[in-house]
ModelCIF file with pLDDT and N, C-alpha, C, O atoms, coordinates in Angstrom:
data_MODEL
#
_entry.id   MODEL 
#
_entity.id                         1 
_entity.type                       polymer 
_entity.pdbx_number_of_molecules   1 
#
_entity_poly.entity_id                      1 
_entity_poly.type                           'polypeptide(L)' 
_entity_poly.nstd_linkage                   no 
_entity_poly.nstd_monomer                   no 
_entity_poly.pdbx_seq_one_letter_code       
;(UNK)(UNK)(UNK)(UNK)(UNK)(UNK)(UNK)(UNK)(UNK)(UNK)(UNK)(UNK)(UNK)(UNK)(UNK)(UNK)
(UNK)(UNK)(UNK)(UNK)(UNK)(UNK)(UNK)(UNK)(UNK)(UNK)(UNK)(UNK)(UNK)(UNK)(UNK)(UNK)
(UNK)
;
_entity_poly.pdbx_seq_one_letter_code_can   XXXXXXXXXXXXXXXXXXXXXXXXXXXXXXXXX 
_entity_poly.pdbx_strand_id                 A 
#
loop_
_entity_poly_seq.entity_id 
_entity_poly_seq.num 
_entity_poly_seq.mon_id 
_entity_poly_seq.hetero 
1 1  UNK n 
1 2  UNK n 
1 3  UNK n 
1 4  UNK n 
1 5  UNK n 
1 6  UNK n 
1 7  UNK n 
1 8  UNK n 
1 9  UNK n 
1 10 UNK n 
1 11 UNK n 
1 12 UNK n 
1 13 UNK n 
1 14 UNK n 
1 15 UNK n 
1 16 UNK n 
1 17 UNK n 
1 18 UNK n 
1 19 UNK n 
1 20 UNK n 
1 21 UNK n 
1 22 UNK n 
1 23 UNK n 
1 24 UNK n 
1 25 UNK n 
1 26 UNK n 
1 27 UNK n 
1 28 UNK n 
1 29 UNK n 
1 30 UNK n 
1 31 UNK n 
1 32 UNK n 
1 33 UNK n 
#
_struct_asym.id          A 
_struct_asym.entity_id   1 
#
loop_
_ma_qa_metric.id 
_ma_qa_metric.mode 
_ma_qa_metric.name 
_ma_qa_metric.software_group_id 
_ma_qa_metric.type 
1 global pLDDT . pLDDT 
2 local  pLDDT . pLDDT 
#
_ma_qa_metric_global.metric_id      1 
_ma_qa_metric_global.metric_value   94.48 
_ma_qa_metric_global.model_id       1 
_ma_qa_metric_global.ordinal_id     1 
#
loop_
_ma_qa_metric_local.label_asym_id 
_ma_qa_metric_local.label_comp_id 
_ma_qa_metric_local.label_seq_id 
_ma_qa_metric_local.metric_id 
_ma_qa_metric_local.metric_value 
_ma_qa_metric_local.model_id 
_ma_qa_metric_local.ordinal_id 
A UNK 1  2 92.00 1 1  
A UNK 2  2 94.00 1 2  
A UNK 3  2 94.00 1 3  
A UNK 4  2 94.00 1 4  
A UNK 5  2 91.00 1 5  
A UNK 6  2 89.00 1 6  
A UNK 7  2 90.00 1 7  
A UNK 8  2 91.00 1 8  
A UNK 9  2 91.00 1 9  
A UNK 10 2 93.00 1 10 
A UNK 11 2 95.00 1 11 
A UNK 12 2 96.00 1 12 
A UNK 13 2 96.00 1 13 
A UNK 14 2 97.00 1 14 
A UNK 15 2 97.00 1 15 
A UNK 16 2 97.00 1 16 
A UNK 17 2 97.00 1 17 
A UNK 18 2 98.00 1 18 
A UNK 19 2 98.00 1 19 
A UNK 20 2 98.00 1 20 
A UNK 21 2 98.00 1 21 
A UNK 22 2 98.00 1 22 
A UNK 23 2 98.00 1 23 
A UNK 24 2 97.00 1 24 
A UNK 25 2 97.00 1 25 
A UNK 26 2 97.00 1 26 
A UNK 27 2 96.00 1 27 
A UNK 28 2 95.00 1 28 
A UNK 29 2 94.00 1 29 
A UNK 30 2 91.00 1 30 
A UNK 31 2 89.00 1 31 
A UNK 32 2 89.00 1 32 
A UNK 33 2 91.00 1 33 
#
loop_
_atom_site.group_PDB 
_atom_site.id 
_atom_site.type_symbol 
_atom_site.label_atom_id 
_atom_site.label_alt_id 
_atom_site.label_comp_id 
_atom_site.label_asym_id 
_atom_site.label_entity_id 
_atom_site.label_seq_id 
_atom_site.pdbx_PDB_ins_code 
_atom_site.Cartn_x 
_atom_site.Cartn_y 
_atom_site.Cartn_z 
_atom_site.occupancy 
_atom_site.B_iso_or_equiv 
_atom_site.pdbx_formal_charge 
_atom_site.auth_seq_id 
_atom_site.auth_comp_id 
_atom_site.auth_asym_id 
_atom_site.auth_atom_id 
_atom_site.pdbx_PDB_model_num 
ATOM 1   N N  . UNK A 1 1  ? -91.701 -35.453 -23.655 1.00 92.00 ? 1  UNK A N  1 
ATOM 2   C CA . UNK A 1 1  ? -90.913 -36.430 -24.410 1.00 92.00 ? 1  UNK A CA 1 
ATOM 3   C C  . UNK A 1 1  ? -90.169 -35.711 -25.529 1.00 92.00 ? 1  UNK A C  1 
ATOM 4   O O  . UNK A 1 1  ? -90.413 -34.535 -25.801 1.00 92.00 ? 1  UNK A O  1 
ATOM 5   N N  . UNK A 1 2  ? -89.255 -36.442 -26.174 1.00 94.00 ? 2  UNK A N  1 
ATOM 6   C CA . UNK A 1 2  ? -88.485 -35.865 -27.273 1.00 94.00 ? 2  UNK A CA 1 
ATOM 7   C C  . UNK A 1 2  ? -89.332 -35.802 -28.537 1.00 94.00 ? 2  UNK A C  1 
ATOM 8   O O  . UNK A 1 2  ? -90.086 -36.728 -28.835 1.00 94.00 ? 2  UNK A O  1 
ATOM 9   N N  . UNK A 1 3  ? -89.206 -34.721 -29.266 1.00 94.00 ? 3  UNK A N  1 
ATOM 10  C CA . UNK A 1 3  ? -89.920 -34.588 -30.530 1.00 94.00 ? 3  UNK A CA 1 
ATOM 11  C C  . UNK A 1 3  ? -89.227 -33.540 -31.388 1.00 94.00 ? 3  UNK A C  1 
ATOM 12  O O  . UNK A 1 3  ? -88.375 -32.791 -30.911 1.00 94.00 ? 3  UNK A O  1 
ATOM 13  N N  . UNK A 1 4  ? -89.603 -33.500 -32.650 1.00 94.00 ? 4  UNK A N  1 
ATOM 14  C CA . UNK A 1 4  ? -89.062 -32.499 -33.559 1.00 94.00 ? 4  UNK A CA 1 
ATOM 15  C C  . UNK A 1 4  ? -89.701 -31.150 -33.247 1.00 94.00 ? 4  UNK A C  1 
ATOM 16  O O  . UNK A 1 4  ? -90.925 -31.026 -33.218 1.00 94.00 ? 4  UNK A O  1 
ATOM 17  N N  . UNK A 1 5  ? -88.876 -30.156 -33.016 1.00 91.00 ? 5  UNK A N  1 
ATOM 18  C CA . UNK A 1 5  ? -89.369 -28.776 -32.846 1.00 91.00 ? 5  UNK A CA 1 
ATOM 19  C C  . UNK A 1 5  ? -88.459 -27.869 -33.667 1.00 91.00 ? 5  UNK A C  1 
ATOM 20  O O  . UNK A 1 5  ? -87.524 -27.280 -33.126 1.00 91.00 ? 5  UNK A O  1 
ATOM 21  N N  . UNK A 1 6  ? -88.723 -27.752 -34.963 1.00 89.00 ? 6  UNK A N  1 
ATOM 22  C CA . UNK A 1 6  ? -87.837 -26.977 -35.846 1.00 89.00 ? 6  UNK A CA 1 
ATOM 23  C C  . UNK A 1 6  ? -87.997 -25.473 -35.652 1.00 89.00 ? 6  UNK A C  1 
ATOM 24  O O  . UNK A 1 6  ? -88.494 -24.762 -36.526 1.00 89.00 ? 6  UNK A O  1 
ATOM 25  N N  . UNK A 1 7  ? -87.559 -25.009 -34.476 1.00 90.00 ? 7  UNK A N  1 
ATOM 26  C CA . UNK A 1 7  ? -87.670 -23.603 -34.100 1.00 90.00 ? 7  UNK A CA 1 
ATOM 27  C C  . UNK A 1 7  ? -86.274 -23.038 -33.919 1.00 90.00 ? 7  UNK A C  1 
ATOM 28  O O  . UNK A 1 7  ? -85.431 -23.641 -33.255 1.00 90.00 ? 7  UNK A O  1 
ATOM 29  N N  . UNK A 1 8  ? -86.035 -21.878 -34.511 1.00 91.00 ? 8  UNK A N  1 
ATOM 30  C CA . UNK A 1 8  ? -84.704 -21.262 -34.516 1.00 91.00 ? 8  UNK A CA 1 
ATOM 31  C C  . UNK A 1 8  ? -84.109 -21.103 -33.113 1.00 91.00 ? 8  UNK A C  1 
ATOM 32  O O  . UNK A 1 8  ? -82.980 -21.548 -32.904 1.00 91.00 ? 8  UNK A O  1 
ATOM 33  N N  . UNK A 1 9  ? -84.801 -20.494 -32.137 1.00 91.00 ? 9  UNK A N  1 
ATOM 34  C CA . UNK A 1 9  ? -84.182 -20.341 -30.809 1.00 91.00 ? 9  UNK A CA 1 
ATOM 35  C C  . UNK A 1 9  ? -83.837 -21.684 -30.164 1.00 91.00 ? 9  UNK A C  1 
ATOM 36  O O  . UNK A 1 9  ? -82.801 -21.811 -29.511 1.00 91.00 ? 9  UNK A O  1 
ATOM 37  N N  . UNK A 1 10 ? -84.705 -22.689 -30.345 1.00 93.00 ? 10 UNK A N  1 
ATOM 38  C CA . UNK A 1 10 ? -84.431 -23.987 -29.743 1.00 93.00 ? 10 UNK A CA 1 
ATOM 39  C C  . UNK A 1 10 ? -83.200 -24.646 -30.360 1.00 93.00 ? 10 UNK A C  1 
ATOM 40  O O  . UNK A 1 10 ? -82.475 -25.374 -29.681 1.00 93.00 ? 10 UNK A O  1 
ATOM 41  N N  . UNK A 1 11 ? -82.963 -24.389 -31.652 1.00 95.00 ? 11 UNK A N  1 
ATOM 42  C CA . UNK A 1 11 ? -81.763 -24.923 -32.291 1.00 95.00 ? 11 UNK A CA 1 
ATOM 43  C C  . UNK A 1 11 ? -80.516 -24.337 -31.639 1.00 95.00 ? 11 UNK A C  1 
ATOM 44  O O  . UNK A 1 11 ? -79.552 -25.054 -31.373 1.00 95.00 ? 11 UNK A O  1 
ATOM 45  N N  . UNK A 1 12 ? -80.540 -23.036 -31.384 1.00 96.00 ? 12 UNK A N  1 
ATOM 46  C CA . UNK A 1 12 ? -79.397 -22.392 -30.735 1.00 96.00 ? 12 UNK A CA 1 
ATOM 47  C C  . UNK A 1 12 ? -79.188 -22.950 -29.330 1.00 96.00 ? 12 UNK A C  1 
ATOM 48  O O  . UNK A 1 12 ? -78.063 -23.260 -28.938 1.00 96.00 ? 12 UNK A O  1 
ATOM 49  N N  . UNK A 1 13 ? -80.280 -23.077 -28.575 1.00 96.00 ? 13 UNK A N  1 
ATOM 50  C CA . UNK A 1 13 ? -80.186 -23.584 -27.209 1.00 96.00 ? 13 UNK A CA 1 
ATOM 51  C C  . UNK A 1 13 ? -79.641 -25.009 -27.201 1.00 96.00 ? 13 UNK A C  1 
ATOM 52  O O  . UNK A 1 13 ? -78.794 -25.352 -26.377 1.00 96.00 ? 13 UNK A O  1 
ATOM 53  N N  . UNK A 1 14 ? -80.139 -25.844 -28.133 1.00 97.00 ? 14 UNK A N  1 
ATOM 54  C CA . UNK A 1 14 ? -79.635 -27.209 -28.234 1.00 97.00 ? 14 UNK A CA 1 
ATOM 55  C C  . UNK A 1 14 ? -78.164 -27.240 -28.593 1.00 97.00 ? 14 UNK A C  1 
ATOM 56  O O  . UNK A 1 14 ? -77.406 -28.051 -28.060 1.00 97.00 ? 14 UNK A O  1 
ATOM 57  N N  . UNK A 1 15 ? -77.756 -26.358 -29.496 1.00 97.00 ? 15 UNK A N  1 
ATOM 58  C CA . UNK A 1 15 ? -76.350 -26.286 -29.874 1.00 97.00 ? 15 UNK A CA 1 
ATOM 59  C C  . UNK A 1 15 ? -75.475 -25.856 -28.711 1.00 97.00 ? 15 UNK A C  1 
ATOM 60  O O  . UNK A 1 15 ? -74.405 -26.419 -28.480 1.00 97.00 ? 15 UNK A O  1 
ATOM 61  N N  . UNK A 1 16 ? -75.934 -24.870 -27.995 1.00 97.00 ? 16 UNK A N  1 
ATOM 62  C CA . UNK A 1 16 ? -75.162 -24.395 -26.843 1.00 97.00 ? 16 UNK A CA 1 
ATOM 63  C C  . UNK A 1 16 ? -75.017 -25.503 -25.794 1.00 97.00 ? 16 UNK A C  1 
ATOM 64  O O  . UNK A 1 16 ? -73.944 -25.701 -25.223 1.00 97.00 ? 16 UNK A O  1 
ATOM 65  N N  . UNK A 1 17 ? -76.118 -26.217 -25.555 1.00 97.00 ? 17 UNK A N  1 
ATOM 66  C CA . UNK A 1 17 ? -76.084 -27.336 -24.616 1.00 97.00 ? 17 UNK A CA 1 
ATOM 67  C C  . UNK A 1 17 ? -75.094 -28.398 -25.081 1.00 97.00 ? 17 UNK A C  1 
ATOM 68  O O  . UNK A 1 17 ? -74.273 -28.878 -24.300 1.00 97.00 ? 17 UNK A O  1 
ATOM 69  N N  . UNK A 1 18 ? -75.177 -28.763 -26.367 1.00 98.00 ? 18 UNK A N  1 
ATOM 70  C CA . UNK A 1 18 ? -74.271 -29.764 -26.919 1.00 98.00 ? 18 UNK A CA 1 
ATOM 71  C C  . UNK A 1 18 ? -72.825 -29.318 -26.795 1.00 98.00 ? 18 UNK A C  1 
ATOM 72  O O  . UNK A 1 18 ? -71.961 -30.107 -26.412 1.00 98.00 ? 18 UNK A O  1 
ATOM 73  N N  . UNK A 1 19 ? -72.555 -28.051 -27.119 1.00 98.00 ? 19 UNK A N  1 
ATOM 74  C CA . UNK A 1 19 ? -71.186 -27.549 -27.079 1.00 98.00 ? 19 UNK A CA 1 
ATOM 75  C C  . UNK A 1 19 ? -70.560 -27.649 -25.701 1.00 98.00 ? 19 UNK A C  1 
ATOM 76  O O  . UNK A 1 19 ? -69.399 -28.034 -25.565 1.00 98.00 ? 19 UNK A O  1 
ATOM 77  N N  . UNK A 1 20 ? -71.322 -27.305 -24.690 1.00 98.00 ? 20 UNK A N  1 
ATOM 78  C CA . UNK A 1 20 ? -70.794 -27.384 -23.319 1.00 98.00 ? 20 UNK A CA 1 
ATOM 79  C C  . UNK A 1 20 ? -70.500 -28.835 -22.935 1.00 98.00 ? 20 UNK A C  1 
ATOM 80  O O  . UNK A 1 20 ? -69.489 -29.123 -22.295 1.00 98.00 ? 20 UNK A O  1 
ATOM 81  N N  . UNK A 1 21 ? -71.386 -29.736 -23.330 1.00 98.00 ? 21 UNK A N  1 
ATOM 82  C CA . UNK A 1 21 ? -71.143 -31.154 -23.036 1.00 98.00 ? 21 UNK A CA 1 
ATOM 83  C C  . UNK A 1 21 ? -69.954 -31.697 -23.823 1.00 98.00 ? 21 UNK A C  1 
ATOM 84  O O  . UNK A 1 21 ? -69.175 -32.494 -23.299 1.00 98.00 ? 21 UNK A O  1 
ATOM 85  N N  . UNK A 1 22 ? -69.811 -31.275 -25.064 1.00 98.00 ? 22 UNK A N  1 
ATOM 86  C CA . UNK A 1 22 ? -68.665 -31.703 -25.864 1.00 98.00 ? 22 UNK A CA 1 
ATOM 87  C C  . UNK A 1 22 ? -67.359 -31.262 -25.210 1.00 98.00 ? 22 UNK A C  1 
ATOM 88  O O  . UNK A 1 22 ? -66.343 -31.951 -25.307 1.00 98.00 ? 22 UNK A O  1 
ATOM 89  N N  . UNK A 1 23 ? -67.396 -30.107 -24.543 1.00 98.00 ? 23 UNK A N  1 
ATOM 90  C CA . UNK A 1 23 ? -66.200 -29.573 -23.882 1.00 98.00 ? 23 UNK A CA 1 
ATOM 91  C C  . UNK A 1 23 ? -66.031 -30.095 -22.458 1.00 98.00 ? 23 UNK A C  1 
ATOM 92  O O  . UNK A 1 23 ? -65.117 -29.684 -21.744 1.00 98.00 ? 23 UNK A O  1 
ATOM 93  N N  . UNK A 1 24 ? -66.923 -31.006 -22.049 1.00 97.00 ? 24 UNK A N  1 
ATOM 94  C CA . UNK A 1 24 ? -66.717 -31.679 -20.775 1.00 97.00 ? 24 UNK A CA 1 
ATOM 95  C C  . UNK A 1 24 ? -67.494 -31.136 -19.598 1.00 97.00 ? 24 UNK A C  1 
ATOM 96  O O  . UNK A 1 24 ? -67.278 -31.581 -18.471 1.00 97.00 ? 24 UNK A O  1 
ATOM 97  N N  . UNK A 1 25 ? -68.401 -30.179 -19.818 1.00 97.00 ? 25 UNK A N  1 
ATOM 98  C CA . UNK A 1 25 ? -69.213 -29.633 -18.728 1.00 97.00 ? 25 UNK A CA 1 
ATOM 99  C C  . UNK A 1 25 ? -70.627 -30.173 -18.857 1.00 97.00 ? 25 UNK A C  1 
ATOM 100 O O  . UNK A 1 25 ? -71.342 -29.842 -19.803 1.00 97.00 ? 25 UNK A O  1 
ATOM 101 N N  . UNK A 1 26 ? -71.025 -31.000 -17.908 1.00 97.00 ? 26 UNK A N  1 
ATOM 102 C CA . UNK A 1 26 ? -72.362 -31.604 -17.971 1.00 97.00 ? 26 UNK A CA 1 
ATOM 103 C C  . UNK A 1 26 ? -73.424 -30.516 -17.922 1.00 97.00 ? 26 UNK A C  1 
ATOM 104 O O  . UNK A 1 26 ? -73.498 -29.747 -16.963 1.00 97.00 ? 26 UNK A O  1 
ATOM 105 N N  . UNK A 1 27 ? -74.252 -30.459 -18.976 1.00 96.00 ? 27 UNK A N  1 
ATOM 106 C CA . UNK A 1 27 ? -75.299 -29.453 -19.083 1.00 96.00 ? 27 UNK A CA 1 
ATOM 107 C C  . UNK A 1 27 ? -76.528 -30.103 -19.693 1.00 96.00 ? 27 UNK A C  1 
ATOM 108 O O  . UNK A 1 27 ? -76.432 -30.778 -20.718 1.00 96.00 ? 27 UNK A O  1 
ATOM 109 N N  . UNK A 1 28 ? -77.675 -29.906 -19.074 1.00 95.00 ? 28 UNK A N  1 
ATOM 110 C CA . UNK A 1 28 ? -78.912 -30.469 -19.610 1.00 95.00 ? 28 UNK A CA 1 
ATOM 111 C C  . UNK A 1 28 ? -79.649 -29.432 -20.440 1.00 95.00 ? 28 UNK A C  1 
ATOM 112 O O  . UNK A 1 28 ? -79.667 -28.243 -20.124 1.00 95.00 ? 28 UNK A O  1 
ATOM 113 N N  . UNK A 1 29 ? -80.258 -29.924 -21.512 1.00 94.00 ? 29 UNK A N  1 
ATOM 114 C CA . UNK A 1 29 ? -81.146 -29.091 -22.326 1.00 94.00 ? 29 UNK A CA 1 
ATOM 115 C C  . UNK A 1 29 ? -82.244 -28.547 -21.413 1.00 94.00 ? 29 UNK A C  1 
ATOM 116 O O  . UNK A 1 29 ? -82.912 -29.328 -20.735 1.00 94.00 ? 29 UNK A O  1 
ATOM 117 N N  . UNK A 1 30 ? -82.448 -27.229 -21.376 1.00 91.00 ? 30 UNK A N  1 
ATOM 118 C CA . UNK A 1 30 ? -83.382 -26.649 -20.413 1.00 91.00 ? 30 UNK A CA 1 
ATOM 119 C C  . UNK A 1 30 ? -84.842 -26.909 -20.775 1.00 91.00 ? 30 UNK A C  1 
ATOM 120 O O  . UNK A 1 30 ? -85.148 -27.501 -21.810 1.00 91.00 ? 30 UNK A O  1 
ATOM 121 N N  . UNK A 1 31 ? -85.728 -26.456 -19.904 1.00 89.00 ? 31 UNK A N  1 
ATOM 122 C CA . UNK A 1 31 ? -87.158 -26.613 -20.140 1.00 89.00 ? 31 UNK A CA 1 
ATOM 123 C C  . UNK A 1 31 ? -87.585 -25.665 -21.261 1.00 89.00 ? 31 UNK A C  1 
ATOM 124 O O  . UNK A 1 31 ? -87.634 -24.451 -21.063 1.00 89.00 ? 31 UNK A O  1 
ATOM 125 N N  . UNK A 1 32 ? -87.889 -26.208 -22.418 1.00 89.00 ? 32 UNK A N  1 
ATOM 126 C CA . UNK A 1 32 ? -88.368 -25.415 -23.548 1.00 89.00 ? 32 UNK A CA 1 
ATOM 127 C C  . UNK A 1 32 ? -89.435 -26.203 -24.278 1.00 89.00 ? 32 UNK A C  1 
ATOM 128 O O  . UNK A 1 32 ? -89.570 -27.414 -24.099 1.00 89.00 ? 32 UNK A O  1 
ATOM 129 N N  . UNK A 1 33 ? -90.188 -25.498 -25.102 1.00 91.00 ? 33 UNK A N  1 
ATOM 130 C CA . UNK A 1 33 ? -91.153 -26.129 -25.983 1.00 91.00 ? 33 UNK A CA 1 
ATOM 131 C C  . UNK A 1 33 ? -91.172 -25.318 -27.269 1.00 91.00 ? 33 UNK A C  1 
ATOM 132 O O  . UNK A 1 33 ? -91.916 -25.645 -28.194 1.00 91.00 ? 33 UNK A O  1 
#
């Protein structure tokens, strides 16, 4: 489920995922913890 994970690498991964979706390429946040 969704939860707060204030971890530096996960922030980058989330940002990268968001950026691709903002630019129109459907991308899912990968399997991370």
